[in-house]
PDB file of N, CA and C in Angstrom:
ATOM      1  N   UNK A   1       1.028  -0.933   0.252  1.00  0.00           N
ATOM      2  CA  UNK A   1       0.521  -0.324   0.293  1.00  0.00           C
ATOM      3  C   UNK A   1       1.050   1.570   0.066  1.00  0.00           C
ATOM      4  N   UNK A   2       1.709   1.357   0.928  1.00  0.00           N
ATOM      5  CA  UNK A   2       2.938   1.802   0.547  1.00  0.00           C
ATOM      6  C   UNK A   2       3.455   2.671  -0.752  1.00  0.00           C
ATOM      7  N   UNK A   3       3.705   1.703  -1.760  1.00  0.00           N
ATOM      8  CA  UNK A   3       4.166   2.480  -3.062  1.00  0.00           C
ATOM      9  C   UNK A   3       3.156   2.724  -4.415  1.00  0.00           C
ATOM     10  N   UNK A   4       2.091   2.067  -3.648  1.00  0.00           N
ATOM     11  CA  UNK A   4       0.531   2.656  -4.767  1.00  0.00           C
ATOM     12  C   UNK A   4       0.656   3.531  -3.933  1.00  0.00           C
ATOM     13  N   UNK A   5       0.685   5.113  -2.654  1.00  0.00           N
ATOM     14  CA  UNK A   5      -0.132   6.202  -1.931  1.00  0.00           C
ATOM     15  C   UNK A   5       1.553   6.841  -2.759  1.00  0.00           C
ATOM     16  N   UNK A   6       1.962   6.625  -2.536  1.00  0.00           N
ATOM     17  CA  UNK A   6       3.853   6.835  -3.268  1.00  0.00           C
ATOM     18  C   UNK A   6       3.660   7.613  -4.301  1.00  0.00           C
ATOM     19  N   UNK A   7       2.383   6.751  -5.116  1.00  0.00           N
ATOM     20  CA  UNK A   7       2.428   6.946  -6.757  1.00  0.00           C
ATOM     21  C   UNK A   7       1.804   7.599  -7.085  1.00  0.00           C
ATOM     22  N   UNK A   8       0.185   7.068  -6.331  1.00  0.00           N
ATOM     23  CA  UNK A   8      -1.093   8.437  -6.115  1.00  0.00           C
ATOM     24  C   UNK A   8      -0.378   9.761  -6.235  1.00  0.00           C
ATOM     25  N   UNK A   9       0.064   9.965  -4.708  1.00  0.00           N
ATOM     26  CA  UNK A   9       1.158  11.059  -4.410  1.00  0.00           C
ATOM     27  C   UNK A   9       1.589  11.691  -5.637  1.00  0.00           C
ATOM     28  N   UNK A  10       2.755  10.989  -5.979  1.00  0.00           N
ATOM     29  CA  UNK A  10       3.852  11.549  -7.065  1.00  0.00           C
ATOM     30  C   UNK A  10       2.858  12.027  -8.599  1.00  0.00           C
ATOM     31  N   UNK A  11       1.516  11.477  -8.848  1.00  0.00           N
ATOM     32  CA  UNK A  11       0.775  11.760 -10.136  1.00  0.00           C
ATOM     33  C   UNK A  11       0.250  13.001  -9.483  1.00  0.00           C
ATOM     34  N   UNK A  12       0.063  12.897  -8.588  1.00  0.00           N
ATOM     35  CA  UNK A  12      -0.788  13.943  -8.462  1.00  0.00           C
ATOM     36  C   UNK A  12      -0.626  15.079  -8.035  1.00  0.00           C
ATOM     37  N   UNK A  13       0.898  15.690  -8.231  1.00  0.00           N
ATOM     38  CA  UNK A  13       2.086  16.517  -7.111  1.00  0.00           C
ATOM     39  C   UNK A  13       2.631  16.506  -9.210  1.00  0.00           C
ATOM     40  N   UNK A  14       2.566  16.032 -10.294  1.00  0.00           N
ATOM     41  CA  UNK A  14       3.128  15.856 -11.817  1.00  0.00           C
ATOM     42  C   UNK A  14       0.859  16.521 -12.461  1.00  0.00           C
ATOM     43  N   UNK A  15       0.737  15.769 -12.100  1.00  0.00           N
ATOM     44  CA  UNK A  15      -0.803  15.795 -12.998  1.00  0.00           C
ATOM     45  C   UNK A  15      -2.528  16.670 -12.749  1.00  0.00           C
ATOM     46  N   UNK A  16      -2.155  17.291 -10.933  1.00  0.00           N
ATOM     47  CA  UNK A  16      -3.621  17.445 -10.734  1.00  0.00           C
ATOM     48  C   UNK A  16      -2.370  19.145 -10.529  1.00  0.00           C
ATOM     49  N   UNK A  17      -1.527  19.246  -9.597  1.00  0.00           N
ATOM     50  CA  UNK A  17      -0.933  20.440  -9.496  1.00  0.00           C
ATOM     51  C   UNK A  17       0.436  20.563  -9.707  1.00  0.00           C
ATOM     52  N   UNK A  18       0.959  21.045 -10.508  1.00  0.00           N
ATOM     53  CA  UNK A  18       0.994  20.934 -11.865  1.00  0.00           C
ATOM     54  C   UNK A  18       2.997  20.846 -10.992  1.00  0.00           C
ATOM     55  N   UNK A  19       3.383  20.443  -9.702  1.00  0.00           N
ATOM     56  CA  UNK A  19       4.321  20.847  -8.950  1.00  0.00           C
ATOM     57  C   UNK A  19       5.675  20.158  -8.968  1.00  0.00           C
ATOM     58  N   UNK A  20       6.279  20.407 -10.878  1.00  0.00           N
ATOM     59  CA  UNK A  20       7.245  19.850 -11.678  1.00  0.00           C
ATOM     60  C   UNK A  20       7.475  20.098 -12.662  1.00  0.00           C
ATOM     61  N   UNK A  21       8.920  19.708 -12.599  1.00  0.00           N
ATOM     62  CA  UNK A  21       9.614  21.021 -13.910  1.00  0.00           C
ATOM     63  C   UNK A  21       8.188  20.241 -15.420  1.00  0.00           C
ATOM     64  N   UNK A  22       7.647  19.381 -15.258  1.00  0.00           N
ATOM     65  CA  UNK A  22       6.761  19.149 -16.312  1.00  0.00           C
ATOM     66  C   UNK A  22       5.926  19.961 -16.767  1.00  0.00           C
ATOM     67  N   UNK A  23       5.380  20.943 -15.693  1.00  0.00           N
ATOM     68  CA  UNK A  23       4.518  21.858 -15.869  1.00  0.00           C
ATOM     69  C   UNK A  23       3.626  22.382 -15.016  1.00  0.00           C
ATOM     70  N   UNK A  24       2.650  23.773 -15.492  1.00  0.00           N
ATOM     71  CA  UNK A  24       0.996  23.595 -15.382  1.00  0.00           C
ATOM     72  C   UNK A  24       0.212  23.159 -16.295  1.00  0.00           C
ATOM     73  N   UNK A  25       0.388  22.056 -16.175  1.00  0.00           N
ATOM     74  CA  UNK A  25      -0.210  21.207 -17.321  1.00  0.00           C
ATOM     75  C   UNK A  25      -1.251  20.765 -16.117  1.00  0.00           C
ATOM     76  N   UNK A  26      -2.650  20.395 -16.501  1.00  0.00           N
ATOM     77  CA  UNK A  26      -3.194  19.231 -15.906  1.00  0.00           C
ATOM     78  C   UNK A  26      -3.229  18.539 -16.288  1.00  0.00           C
ATOM     79  N   UNK A  27      -3.165  16.911 -16.481  1.00  0.00           N
ATOM     80  CA  UNK A  27      -2.884  15.359 -17.261  1.00  0.00           C
ATOM     81  C   UNK A  27      -3.838  14.869 -16.504  1.00  0.00           C
ATOM     82  N   UNK A  28      -4.648  14.034 -17.153  1.00  0.00           N
ATOM     83  CA  UNK A  28      -6.108  13.394 -16.922  1.00  0.00           C
ATOM     84  C   UNK A  28      -6.142  12.701 -18.098  1.00  0.00           C
ATOM     85  N   UNK A  29      -7.077  11.287 -18.024  1.00  0.00           N
ATOM     86  CA  UNK A  29      -6.819  10.420 -18.672  1.00  0.00           C
ATOM     87  C   UNK A  29      -7.072  10.911 -19.975  1.00  0.00           C
ATOM     88  N   UNK A  30      -7.700  12.083 -20.821  1.00  0.00           N
ATOM     89  CA  UNK A  30      -8.176  12.748 -21.579  1.00  0.00           C
ATOM     90  C   UNK A  30      -7.135  12.892 -22.358  1.00  0.00           C
ATOM     91  N   UNK A  31      -5.880  13.157 -21.863  1.00  0.00           N
ATOM     92  CA  UNK A  31      -4.918  14.097 -21.963  1.00  0.00           C
ATOM     93  C   UNK A  31      -3.799  13.127 -23.378  1.00  0.00           C
ATOM     94  N   UNK A  32      -3.040  13.200 -23.783  1.00  0.00           N
ATOM     95  CA  UNK A  32      -2.524  11.912 -25.283  1.00  0.00           C
ATOM     96  C   UNK A  32      -2.026  11.237 -24.676  1.00  0.00           C
ATOM     97  N   UNK A  33      -1.591  10.113 -24.818  1.00  0.00           N
ATOM     98  CA  UNK A  33      -1.270   9.301 -23.896  1.00  0.00           C
ATOM     99  C   UNK A  33       0.450   9.456 -23.830  1.00  0.00           C
ATOM    100  N   UNK A  34       1.091  10.150 -25.351  1.00  0.00           N
ATOM    101  CA  UNK A  34       1.875  11.084 -25.476  1.00  0.00           C
ATOM    102  C   UNK A  34       2.618  11.566 -24.287  1.00  0.00           C
ATOM    103  N   UNK A  35       1.057  13.005 -23.409  1.00  0.00           N
ATOM    104  CA  UNK A  35       1.737  13.450 -22.066  1.00  0.00           C
ATOM    105  C   UNK A  35       1.057  12.524 -21.331  1.00  0.00           C
ATOM    106  N   UNK A  36       0.687  11.695 -21.273  1.00  0.00           N
ATOM    107  CA  UNK A  36       0.836  10.670 -20.110  1.00  0.00           C
ATOM    108  C   UNK A  36       1.254   9.780 -19.895  1.00  0.00           C
ATOM    109  N   UNK A  37       1.974   9.542 -20.580  1.00  0.00           N
ATOM    110  CA  UNK A  37       3.757   8.876 -20.082  1.00  0.00           C
ATOM    111  C   UNK A  37       4.271  10.038 -20.776  1.00  0.00           C
ATOM    112  N   UNK A  38       4.875  10.790 -20.029  1.00  0.00           N
ATOM    113  CA  UNK A  38       5.507  11.607 -20.063  1.00  0.00           C
ATOM    114  C   UNK A  38       5.400  12.033 -18.743  1.00  0.00           C
ATOM    115  N   UNK A  39       3.990  12.531 -17.827  1.00  0.00           N
ATOM    116  CA  UNK A  39       4.156  12.618 -16.555  1.00  0.00           C
ATOM    117  C   UNK A  39       3.978  11.319 -15.978  1.00  0.00           C
ATOM    118  N   UNK A  40       4.570   9.608 -16.572  1.00  0.00           N
ATOM    119  CA  UNK A  40       4.608   8.819 -15.122  1.00  0.00           C
ATOM    120  C   UNK A  40       5.759   8.748 -15.502  1.00  0.00           C
ATOM    121  N   UNK A  41       6.819   9.548 -16.976  1.00  0.00           N
ATOM    122  CA  UNK A  41       7.965   9.194 -16.124  1.00  0.00           C
ATOM    123  C   UNK A  41       8.182   9.954 -15.115  1.00  0.00           C
ATOM    124  N   UNK A  42       8.460  11.174 -14.827  1.00  0.00           N
ATOM    125  CA  UNK A  42       7.731  12.152 -14.360  1.00  0.00           C
ATOM    126  C   UNK A  42       7.666  11.749 -12.744  1.00  0.00           C
ATOM    127  N   UNK A  43       6.840  11.217 -11.913  1.00  0.00           N
ATOM    128  CA  UNK A  43       6.775  11.338 -11.539  1.00  0.00           C
ATOM    129  C   UNK A  43       7.194   9.799 -10.834  1.00  0.00           C
ATOM    130  N   UNK A  44       7.674   8.655 -11.566  1.00  0.00           N
ATOM    131  CA  UNK A  44       8.593   7.483 -11.489  1.00  0.00           C
ATOM    132  C   UNK A  44      10.131   8.166 -11.437  1.00  0.00           C
ATOM    133  N   UNK A  45      10.632   9.564 -11.478  1.00  0.00           N
ATOM    134  CA  UNK A  45      11.709  10.604 -10.727  1.00  0.00           C
ATOM    135  C   UNK A  45      11.584  10.879 -10.146  1.00  0.00           C
ATOM    136  N   UNK A  46      10.804  11.727  -9.876  1.00  0.00           N
ATOM    137  CA  UNK A  46       9.628  12.226  -7.869  1.00  0.00           C
ATOM    138  C   UNK A  46      10.398  11.218  -7.014  1.00  0.00           C
ATOM    139  N   UNK A  47       9.760   9.826  -7.456  1.00  0.00           N
ATOM    140  CA  UNK A  47       9.999   8.777  -5.949  1.00  0.00           C
ATOM    141  C   UNK A  47      11.174   8.432  -5.960  1.00  0.00           C
ATOM    142  N   UNK A  48      11.927   8.276  -7.096  1.00  0.00           N
ATOM    143  CA  UNK A  48      13.220   8.031  -7.026  1.00  0.00           C
ATOM    144  C   UNK A  48      13.999   8.954  -6.563  1.00  0.00           C
ATOM    145  N   UNK A  49      14.376  10.468  -6.569  1.00  0.00           N
ATOM    146  CA  UNK A  49      14.683  11.121  -6.279  1.00  0.00           C
ATOM    147  C   UNK A  49      14.410  10.836  -4.618  1.00  0.00           C
ATOM    148  N   UNK A  50      13.219  10.421  -4.343  1.00  0.00           N
ATOM    149  CA  UNK A  50      12.908  10.595  -2.944  1.00  0.00           C
ATOM    150  C   UNK A  50      12.993   8.594  -2.175  1.00  0.00           C
ATOM    151  N   UNK A  51      13.796   8.338  -2.554  1.00  0.00           N
ATOM    152  CA  UNK A  51      13.500   6.842  -2.661  1.00  0.00           C
ATOM    153  C   UNK A  51      14.909   7.143  -2.143  1.00  0.00           C
ATOM    154  N   UNK A  52      15.496   7.301  -3.126  1.00  0.00           N
ATOM    155  CA  UNK A  52      17.146   7.579  -2.946  1.00  0.00           C
ATOM    156  C   UNK A  52      17.781   9.012  -1.092  1.00  0.00           C
ATOM    157  N   UNK A  53      16.835   9.696  -0.921  1.00  0.00           N
ATOM    158  CA  UNK A  53      17.246  10.862   0.127  1.00  0.00           C
ATOM    159  C   UNK A  53      15.765   9.939   0.876  1.00  0.00           C
ATOM    160  N   UNK A  54      15.419   8.932   1.347  1.00  0.00           N
ATOM    161  CA  UNK A  54      15.845   7.618   2.666  1.00  0.00           C
ATOM    162  C   UNK A  54      16.984   7.186   2.416  1.00  0.00           C
ATOM    163  N   UNK A  55      17.156   6.137   1.599  1.00  0.00           N
ATOM    164  CA  UNK A  55      18.024   5.331   1.519  1.00  0.00           C
ATOM    165  C   UNK A  55      19.260   6.011   1.984  1.00  0.00           C
ATOM    166  N   UNK A  56      19.409   7.334   1.600  1.00  0.00           N
ATOM    167  CA  UNK A  56      21.137   8.753   2.025  1.00  0.00           C
ATOM    168  C   UNK A  56      20.542   8.667   3.531  1.00  0.00           C
ATOM    169  N   UNK A  57      19.448   9.152   4.281  1.00  0.00           N
ATOM    170  CA  UNK A  57      19.085  10.032   5.600  1.00  0.00           C
ATOM    171  C   UNK A  57      19.510   8.034   6.252  1.00  0.00           C
ATOM    172  N   UNK A  58      18.741   7.225   5.588  1.00  0.00           N
ATOM    173  CA  UNK A  58      18.654   5.739   6.635  1.00  0.00           C
ATOM    174  C   UNK A  58      21.136   5.661   7.025  1.00  0.00           C
ATOM    175  N   UNK A  59      21.566   5.742   5.570  1.00  0.00           N
ATOM    176  CA  UNK A  59      22.709   5.284   5.552  1.00  0.00           C
ATOM    177  C   UNK A  59      23.275   6.456   6.224  1.00  0.00           C
ATOM    178  N   UNK A  60      23.272   7.507   6.750  1.00  0.00           N
ATOM    179  CA  UNK A  60      24.450   8.904   7.462  1.00  0.00           C
ATOM    180  C   UNK A  60      23.399   8.549   8.602  1.00  0.00           C
ATOM    181  N   UNK A  61      22.439   7.591   9.120  1.00  0.00           N
ATOM    182  CA  UNK A  61      22.376   8.099  10.897  1.00  0.00           C
ATOM    183  C   UNK A  61      22.698   5.891  11.081  1.00  0.00           C
ATOM    184  N   UNK A  62      22.869   5.179  10.423  1.00  0.00           N
ATOM    185  CA  UNK A  62      22.638   3.998  10.594  1.00  0.00           C
ATOM    186  C   UNK A  62      23.674   3.944  12.159  1.00  0.00           C
ATOM    187  N   UNK A  63      24.504   4.086  12.559  1.00  0.00           N
ATOM    188  CA  UNK A  63      25.415   4.535  13.854  1.00  0.00           C
ATOM    189  C   UNK A  63      23.901   4.494  15.270  1.00  0.00           C
ATOM    190  N   UNK A  64      23.599   5.628  14.914  1.00  0.00           N
ATOM    191  CA  UNK A  64      22.273   5.984  15.508  1.00  0.00           C
ATOM    192  C   UNK A  64      20.809   4.879  15.932  1.00  0.00           C
ATOM    193  N   UNK A  65      20.761   4.349  14.773  1.00  0.00           N
ATOM    194  CA  UNK A  65      19.613   3.610  14.772  1.00  0.00           C
ATOM    195  C   UNK A  65      20.531   2.022  15.196  1.00  0.00           C
ATOM    196  N   UNK A  66      21.437   1.970  14.684  1.00  0.00           N
ATOM    197  CA  UNK A  66      21.628   0.961  16.038  1.00  0.00           C
ATOM    198  C   UNK A  66      22.116   1.124  17.625  1.00  0.00           C
ATOM    199  N   UNK A  67      22.425   2.315  17.672  1.00  0.00           N
ATOM    200  CA  UNK A  67      22.348   2.709  19.155  1.00  0.00           C
ATOM    201  C   UNK A  67      21.219   2.701  19.708  1.00  0.00           C
ATOM    202  N   UNK A  68      20.325   2.893  19.378  1.00  0.00           N
ATOM    203  CA  UNK A  68      18.660   3.017  19.206  1.00  0.00           C
ATOM    204  C   UNK A  68      18.560   1.435  19.845  1.00  0.00           C
ATOM    205  N   UNK A  69      18.738   0.458  18.679  1.00  0.00           N
ATOM    206  CA  UNK A  69      17.948  -0.786  19.416  1.00  0.00           C
ATOM    207  C   UNK A  69      18.949  -1.228  20.306  1.00  0.00           C
ATOM    208  N   UNK A  70      20.177  -1.405  20.835  1.00  0.00           N
ATOM    209  CA  UNK A  70      21.295  -1.298  21.280  1.00  0.00           C
ATOM    210  C   UNK A  70      20.420  -0.927  22.823  1.00  0.00           C
ATOM    211  N   UNK A  71      19.531   0.344  22.987  1.00  0.00           N
ATOM    212  CA  UNK A  71      19.200   0.567  23.912  1.00  0.00           C
ATOM    213  C   UNK A  71      18.097   0.101  24.866  1.00  0.00           C
ATOM    214  N   UNK A  72      17.570   0.163  23.091  1.00  0.00           N
ATOM    215  CA  UNK A  72      15.463  -0.940  23.250  1.00  0.00           C
ATOM    216  C   UNK A  72      15.852  -2.135  24.230  1.00  0.00           C
ATOM    217  N   UNK A  73      16.937  -3.287  24.015  1.00  0.00           N
ATOM    218  CA  UNK A  73      16.814  -4.244  23.475  1.00  0.00           C
ATOM    219  C   UNK A  73      18.016  -4.176  25.713  1.00  0.00           C
ATOM    220  N   UNK A  74      18.148  -3.476  25.583  1.00  0.00           N
ATOM    221  CA  UNK A  74      19.164  -3.326  26.643  1.00  0.00           C
ATOM    222  C   UNK A  74      17.306  -2.884  27.992  1.00  0.00           C
ATOM    223  N   UNK A  75      16.705  -2.139  27.495  1.00  0.00           N
ATOM    224  CA  UNK A  75      16.102  -2.061  28.411  1.00  0.00           C
ATOM    225  C   UNK A  75      14.421  -1.754  28.250  1.00  0.00           C
ATOM    226  N   UNK A  76      14.247  -2.215  26.370  1.00  0.00           N
ATOM    227  CA  UNK A  76      12.776  -2.210  26.088  1.00  0.00           C
ATOM    228  C   UNK A  76      11.594  -1.020  25.351  1.00  0.00           C
ATOM    229  N   UNK A  77      11.840  -0.177  26.692  1.00  0.00           N
ATOM    230  CA  UNK A  77      11.403   1.136  26.657  1.00  0.00           C
ATOM    231  C   UNK A  77      12.222   1.996  27.118  1.00  0.00           C
ATOM    232  N   UNK A  78      11.611   3.626  25.558  1.00  0.00           N
ATOM    233  CA  UNK A  78      12.700   4.664  26.111  1.00  0.00           C
ATOM    234  C   UNK A  78      11.832   5.626  26.138  1.00  0.00           C
ATOM    235  N   UNK A  79      12.321   7.000  27.376  1.00  0.00           N
ATOM    236  CA  UNK A  79      11.478   8.138  27.563  1.00  0.00           C
ATOM    237  C   UNK A  79      11.728   8.777  26.729  1.00  0.00           C
ATOM    238  N   UNK A  80      10.866  10.330  26.623  1.00  0.00           N
ATOM    239  CA  UNK A  80      11.036  11.013  26.657  1.00  0.00           C
ATOM    240  C   UNK A  80      12.395  12.390  26.007  1.00  0.00           C
ATOM    241  N   UNK A  81      13.446  11.872  27.479  1.00  0.00           N
ATOM    242  CA  UNK A  81      14.049  12.472  27.383  1.00  0.00           C
ATOM    243  C   UNK A  81      15.680  11.967  26.672  1.00  0.00           C
ATOM    244  N   UNK A  82      15.599  10.139  26.510  1.00  0.00           N
ATOM    245  CA  UNK A  82      16.444   9.163  25.924  1.00  0.00           C
ATOM    246  C   UNK A  82      16.072   9.921  24.438  1.00  0.00           C
ATOM    247  N   UNK A  83      15.223  10.124  24.056  1.00  0.00           N
ATOM    248  CA  UNK A  83      14.150   9.717  22.930  1.00  0.00           C
ATOM    249  C   UNK A  83      14.670  10.939  21.761  1.00  0.00           C
ATOM    250  N   UNK A  84      14.378  11.939  22.968  1.00  0.00           N
ATOM    251  CA  UNK A  84      15.254  13.853  22.546  1.00  0.00           C
ATOM    252  C   UNK A  84      16.665  13.923  22.250  1.00  0.00           C
ATOM    253  N   UNK A  85      17.434  13.287  22.617  1.00  0.00           N
ATOM    254  CA  UNK A  85      19.009  13.079  22.693  1.00  0.00           C
ATOM    255  C   UNK A  85      18.623  12.299  21.661  1.00  0.00           C
ATOM    256  N   UNK A  86      18.607  11.122  21.138  1.00  0.00           N
ATOM    257  CA  UNK A  86      18.759  10.014  20.264  1.00  0.00           C
ATOM    258  C   UNK A  86      18.739  12.011  18.677  1.00  0.00           C
ATOM    259  N   UNK A  87      17.292  11.926  18.709  1.00  0.00           N
ATOM    260  CA  UNK A  87      17.056  13.376  18.180  1.00  0.00           C
ATOM    261  C   UNK A  87      17.978  14.076  17.742  1.00  0.00           C
ATOM    262  N   UNK A  88      18.284  14.953  18.909  1.00  0.00           N
ATOM    263  CA  UNK A  88      19.311  15.903  18.754  1.00  0.00           C
ATOM    264  C   UNK A  88      20.309  14.858  18.099  1.00  0.00           C
ATOM    265  N   UNK A  89      21.015  13.901  18.329  1.00  0.00           N
ATOM    266  CA  UNK A  89      22.050  13.147  17.174  1.00  0.00           C
ATOM    267  C   UNK A  89      21.748  13.035  15.760  1.00  0.00           C
ATOM    268  N   UNK A  90      20.613  13.678  15.542  1.00  0.00           N
ATOM    269  CA  UNK A  90      20.459  12.247  14.044  1.00  0.00           C
ATOM    270  C   UNK A  90      21.157  13.485  13.216  1.00  0.00           C
ATOM    271  N   UNK A  91      22.192  13.413  12.066  1.00  0.00           N
ATOM    272  CA  UNK A  91      22.414  13.895  10.463  1.00  0.00           C
ATOM    273  C   UNK A  91      21.241  14.971  10.314  1.00  0.00           C
ATOM    274  N   UNK A  92      20.601  15.634  10.225  1.00  0.00           N
ATOM    275  CA  UNK A  92      19.875  16.504   9.996  1.00  0.00           C
ATOM    276  C   UNK A  92      19.779  16.404   7.795  1.00  0.00           C
ATOM    277  N   UNK A  93      18.194  15.872   7.486  1.00  0.00           N
ATOM    278  CA  UNK A  93      18.019  16.057   7.117  1.00  0.00           C
ATOM    279  C   UNK A  93      18.291  16.801   5.492  1.00  0.00           C
ATOM    280  N   UNK A  94      18.546  17.805   6.091  1.00  0.00           N
ATOM    281  CA  UNK A  94      18.585  18.565   4.899  1.00  0.00           C
ATOM    282  C   UNK A  94      19.956  18.506   4.507  1.00  0.00           C
ATOM    283  N   UNK A  95      20.946  18.082   4.976  1.00  0.00           N
ATOM    284  CA  UNK A  95      22.453  17.667   4.749  1.00  0.00           C
ATOM    285  C   UNK A  95      22.471  16.302   4.226  1.00  0.00           C
ATOM    286  N   UNK A  96      21.801  15.807   4.508  1.00  0.00           N
ATOM    287  CA  UNK A  96      21.702  14.284   2.942  1.00  0.00           C
ATOM    288  C   UNK A  96      20.978  14.613   1.863  1.00  0.00           C
ATOM    289  N   UNK A  97      20.142  15.070   1.953  1.00  0.00           N
ATOM    290  CA  UNK A  97      19.307  15.439   0.846  1.00  0.00           C
ATOM    291  C   UNK A  97      20.064  15.834  -0.070  1.00  0.00           C
ATOM    292  N   UNK A  98      20.743  17.064   0.236  1.00  0.00           N
ATOM    293  CA  UNK A  98      21.887  17.660  -1.085  1.00  0.00           C
ATOM    294  C   UNK A  98      22.642  16.843  -1.121  1.00  0.00           C
ATOM    295  N   UNK A  99      23.365  15.840  -0.158  1.00  0.00           N
ATOM    296  CA  UNK A  99      24.663  14.342  -0.463  1.00  0.00           C
ATOM    297  C   UNK A  99      24.357  13.709  -1.413  1.00  0.00           C
ATOM    298  N   UNK A 100      22.807  13.353  -1.566  1.00  0.00           N
ATOM    299  CA  UNK A 100      21.869  12.760  -1.789  1.00  0.00           C
ATOM    300  C   UNK A 100      21.670  13.390  -3.494  1.00  0.00           C
ATOM    301  N   UNK A 101      21.905  14.275  -3.368  1.00  0.00           N
ATOM    302  CA  UNK A 101      21.222  15.351  -5.282  1.00  0.00           C
ATOM    303  C   UNK A 101      22.548  15.021  -6.512  1.00  0.00           C
TER     304      UNK A 101
END
């Protein structure tokens, strides 16, 4: 369901909202096959860029995730302060996006 939802969001970005470099053109089932194909390609590009960013964020924070796992195995739950400490140590996602791009 996550893949279907991501696809729906990406297609809406391109086809309904004009929020891609595809332009301010609304694409529908009445559009030409070529336009629909190009819109699908743009949606695929959006999804692939999001996937690359997600992978980069996970890789950049791998040691932090491992530390959280070890702490949870040790005591089974974390309090708010412990979670805050981990969150503050995370690599900023904007920095990761710049690297992934």
